[in-house]
Amino acid sequence: MYTFTEERPWGGFENLLEADTYKVKRLVLTPGQRLSYQRHTKRAEHWYTVSGTGIAVVDDTKIPIQPGVAVDVGLGVKHRVGNTGNEDLVLIEIQTGTYFGEDDIERIEDDYDRS
């Protein structure tokens, strides 16, 4: 159903657009899965919920999400999002900053034992 640039244990993502100062992705989290609790040193993120339901956590504050809900994650702020529903959780993620590589992830907690 989805085309992924990269598959992950929680689902996967597709890179939609990239420029020098921003990157846009479509994230798909399968039911019951969540991203690692993490932070970035070179980018901030904005999540817009397209479909599904879940919980975003930003600096230990839980935010219920559903279609139409947006969440901002500042540079260096701890964050994660999880799917609490029975269908895929789809988010559009807009990253802004100076670097967008997957190696700019400091994992604080991870359900899949990744470092």
C-alpha atoms as a PDB file:
ATOM      1  CA  MET A   1       0.000   0.000   0.000  1.00  0.00           C
ATOM      2  CA  TYR A   2       2.829   2.422   0.875  1.00  0.00           C
ATOM      3  CA  THR A   3       6.087   3.093  -0.910  1.00  0.00           C
ATOM      4  CA  PHE A   4       8.871   3.557   1.625  1.00  0.00           C
ATOM      5  CA  THR A   5      12.268   5.130   1.141  1.00  0.00           C
ATOM      6  CA  GLU A   6      13.261   3.148   4.231  1.00  0.00           C
ATOM      7  CA  GLU A   7      11.470   0.497   6.276  1.00  0.00           C
ATOM      8  CA  ARG A   8      11.785   0.527  10.044  1.00  0.00           C
ATOM      9  CA  PRO A   9      10.566  -1.818  12.809  1.00  0.00           C
ATOM     10  CA  TRP A  10       7.772   0.691  13.543  1.00  0.00           C
ATOM     11  CA  GLY A  11       6.674   1.032   9.884  1.00  0.00           C
ATOM     12  CA  GLY A  12       8.578   3.235   7.475  1.00  0.00           C
ATOM     13  CA  PHE A  13       9.002   6.605   5.804  1.00  0.00           C
ATOM     14  CA  GLU A  14       9.122   8.140   2.372  1.00  0.00           C
ATOM     15  CA  ASN A  15      11.196  11.212   1.540  1.00  0.00           C
ATOM     16  CA  LEU A  16       8.900  13.586  -0.339  1.00  0.00           C
ATOM     17  CA  LEU A  17      11.054  16.694  -0.798  1.00  0.00           C
ATOM     18  CA  GLU A  18      14.483  17.913   0.240  1.00  0.00           C
ATOM     19  CA  ALA A  19      16.298  21.241  -0.051  1.00  0.00           C
ATOM     20  CA  ASP A  20      19.254  22.870   1.726  1.00  0.00           C
ATOM     21  CA  THR A  21      17.219  24.090   4.721  1.00  0.00           C
ATOM     22  CA  TYR A  22      14.288  21.657   4.898  1.00  0.00           C
ATOM     23  CA  LYS A  23      13.129  18.076   4.276  1.00  0.00           C
ATOM     24  CA  VAL A  24       9.590  16.677   4.038  1.00  0.00           C
ATOM     25  CA  LYS A  25       8.740  13.034   4.851  1.00  0.00           C
ATOM     26  CA  ARG A  26       5.659  10.850   5.110  1.00  0.00           C
ATOM     27  CA  LEU A  27       5.899   8.641   8.231  1.00  0.00           C
ATOM     28  CA  VAL A  28       3.709   5.555   8.611  1.00  0.00           C
ATOM     29  CA  LEU A  29       3.567   3.847  12.015  1.00  0.00           C
ATOM     30  CA  THR A  30       1.792   0.505  12.228  1.00  0.00           C
ATOM     31  CA  PRO A  31      -0.658  -0.160  15.104  1.00  0.00           C
ATOM     32  CA  GLY A  32       1.016  -0.462  18.509  1.00  0.00           C
ATOM     33  CA  GLN A  33       4.395   0.832  17.327  1.00  0.00           C
ATOM     34  CA  ARG A  34       6.316   3.976  18.230  1.00  0.00           C
ATOM     35  CA  LEU A  35       9.476   5.855  17.344  1.00  0.00           C
ATOM     36  CA  SER A  36      12.415   5.938  19.717  1.00  0.00           C
ATOM     37  CA  TYR A  37      12.456   8.689  22.334  1.00  0.00           C
ATOM     38  CA  GLN A  38      15.079  10.898  20.713  1.00  0.00           C
ATOM     39  CA  ARG A  39      16.441  14.345  19.989  1.00  0.00           C
ATOM     40  CA  HIS A  40      18.343  16.027  17.167  1.00  0.00           C
ATOM     41  CA  THR A  41      21.153  18.573  17.286  1.00  0.00           C
ATOM     42  CA  LYS A  42      20.780  19.961  13.754  1.00  0.00           C
ATOM     43  CA  ARG A  43      17.045  19.988  13.015  1.00  0.00           C
ATOM     44  CA  ALA A  44      13.631  20.859  14.380  1.00  0.00           C
ATOM     45  CA  GLU A  45      10.493  18.986  13.307  1.00  0.00           C
ATOM     46  CA  HIS A  46       6.824  19.746  12.675  1.00  0.00           C
ATOM     47  CA  TRP A  47       4.403  16.791  12.518  1.00  0.00           C
ATOM     48  CA  TYR A  48       0.984  17.044  10.880  1.00  0.00           C
ATOM     49  CA  THR A  49      -1.320  14.070  11.473  1.00  0.00           C
ATOM     50  CA  VAL A  50      -3.003  12.868   8.270  1.00  0.00           C
ATOM     51  CA  SER A  51      -4.732   9.698   9.489  1.00  0.00           C
ATOM     52  CA  GLY A  52      -4.885   7.424  12.514  1.00  0.00           C
ATOM     53  CA  THR A  53      -4.544   8.184  16.214  1.00  0.00           C
ATOM     54  CA  GLY A  54      -1.648   8.257  18.595  1.00  0.00           C
ATOM     55  CA  ILE A  55       0.300   9.971  21.318  1.00  0.00           C
ATOM     56  CA  ALA A  56       3.144  12.395  20.697  1.00  0.00           C
ATOM     57  CA  VAL A  57       5.564  12.969  23.569  1.00  0.00           C
ATOM     58  CA  VAL A  58       7.500  16.245  23.587  1.00  0.00           C
ATOM     59  CA  ASP A  59       9.857  16.781  26.544  1.00  0.00           C
ATOM     60  CA  ASP A  60       7.840  14.278  28.635  1.00  0.00           C
ATOM     61  CA  THR A  61       4.485  15.964  27.823  1.00  0.00           C
ATOM     62  CA  LYS A  62       1.938  13.626  26.203  1.00  0.00           C
ATOM     63  CA  ILE A  63      -0.161  15.084  23.368  1.00  0.00           C
ATOM     64  CA  PRO A  64      -3.042  13.071  21.861  1.00  0.00           C
ATOM     65  CA  ILE A  65      -2.988  13.246  18.074  1.00  0.00           C
ATOM     66  CA  GLN A  66      -5.572  12.570  15.389  1.00  0.00           C
ATOM     67  CA  PRO A  67      -6.120  13.854  11.841  1.00  0.00           C
ATOM     68  CA  GLY A  68      -5.588  17.616  11.661  1.00  0.00           C
ATOM     69  CA  VAL A  69      -3.441  17.853  14.819  1.00  0.00           C
ATOM     70  CA  ALA A  70       0.031  19.373  14.444  1.00  0.00           C
ATOM     71  CA  VAL A  71       2.944  19.102  16.881  1.00  0.00           C
ATOM     72  CA  ASP A  72       6.129  21.176  16.902  1.00  0.00           C
ATOM     73  CA  VAL A  73       9.435  19.755  18.154  1.00  0.00           C
ATOM     74  CA  GLY A  74      12.195  22.294  18.733  1.00  0.00           C
ATOM     75  CA  LEU A  75      15.882  21.783  18.115  1.00  0.00           C
ATOM     76  CA  GLY A  76      17.363  19.533  20.802  1.00  0.00           C
ATOM     77  CA  VAL A  77      13.959  18.692  22.341  1.00  0.00           C
ATOM     78  CA  LYS A  78      13.234  15.074  23.344  1.00  0.00           C
ATOM     79  CA  HIS A  79      10.349  13.580  21.372  1.00  0.00           C
ATOM     80  CA  ARG A  80       8.583  10.474  20.109  1.00  0.00           C
ATOM     81  CA  VAL A  81       5.271   9.517  18.556  1.00  0.00           C
ATOM     82  CA  GLY A  82       3.359   6.262  18.898  1.00  0.00           C
ATOM     83  CA  ASN A  83       0.363   4.662  17.226  1.00  0.00           C
ATOM     84  CA  THR A  84      -2.392   3.887  19.763  1.00  0.00           C
ATOM     85  CA  GLY A  85      -5.059   2.989  17.201  1.00  0.00           C
ATOM     86  CA  ASN A  86      -6.033  -0.012  15.097  1.00  0.00           C
ATOM     87  CA  GLU A  87      -5.007   1.503  11.753  1.00  0.00           C
ATOM     88  CA  ASP A  88      -1.796   2.999  10.422  1.00  0.00           C
ATOM     89  CA  LEU A  89      -0.809   6.387  11.844  1.00  0.00           C
ATOM     90  CA  VAL A  90       0.303   8.645   8.976  1.00  0.00           C
ATOM     91  CA  LEU A  91       2.186  11.890   9.613  1.00  0.00           C
ATOM     92  CA  ILE A  92       3.767  14.477   7.367  1.00  0.00           C
ATOM     93  CA  GLU A  93       7.040  15.531   8.969  1.00  0.00           C
ATOM     94  CA  ILE A  94       8.663  18.829   8.015  1.00  0.00           C
ATOM     95  CA  GLN A  95      12.256  19.121   9.172  1.00  0.00           C
ATOM     96  CA  THR A  96      14.036  22.483   9.245  1.00  0.00           C
ATOM     97  CA  GLY A  97      17.674  23.027  10.051  1.00  0.00           C
ATOM     98  CA  THR A  98      21.162  22.523   8.690  1.00  0.00           C
ATOM     99  CA  TYR A  99      21.442  18.718   8.359  1.00  0.00           C
ATOM    100  CA  PHE A 100      18.840  15.982   7.853  1.00  0.00           C
ATOM    101  CA  GLY A 101      20.764  12.708   7.916  1.00  0.00           C
ATOM    102  CA  GLU A 102      19.479   9.753   9.917  1.00  0.00           C
ATOM    103  CA  ASP A 103      22.719   9.854  11.927  1.00  0.00           C
ATOM    104  CA  ASP A 104      21.512  13.055  13.672  1.00  0.00           C
ATOM    105  CA  ILE A 105      19.480  10.971  16.110  1.00  0.00           C
ATOM    106  CA  GLU A 106      20.377  10.652  19.777  1.00  0.00           C
ATOM    107  CA  ARG A 107      18.211   7.792  21.052  1.00  0.00           C
ATOM    108  CA  ILE A 108      17.262   8.137  24.708  1.00  0.00           C
ATOM    109  CA  GLU A 109      14.956   5.090  24.777  1.00  0.00           C
ATOM    110  CA  ASP A 110      14.194   2.585  22.026  1.00  0.00           C
ATOM    111  CA  ASP A 111      11.754  -0.330  21.868  1.00  0.00           C
ATOM    112  CA  TYR A 112      13.879  -2.091  19.235  1.00  0.00           C
ATOM    113  CA  ASP A 113      17.289  -2.043  20.993  1.00  0.00           C
ATOM    114  CA  ARG A 114      18.875   0.366  18.513  1.00  0.00           C
ATOM    115  CA  SER A 115      21.692   2.581  19.773  1.00  0.00           C
END
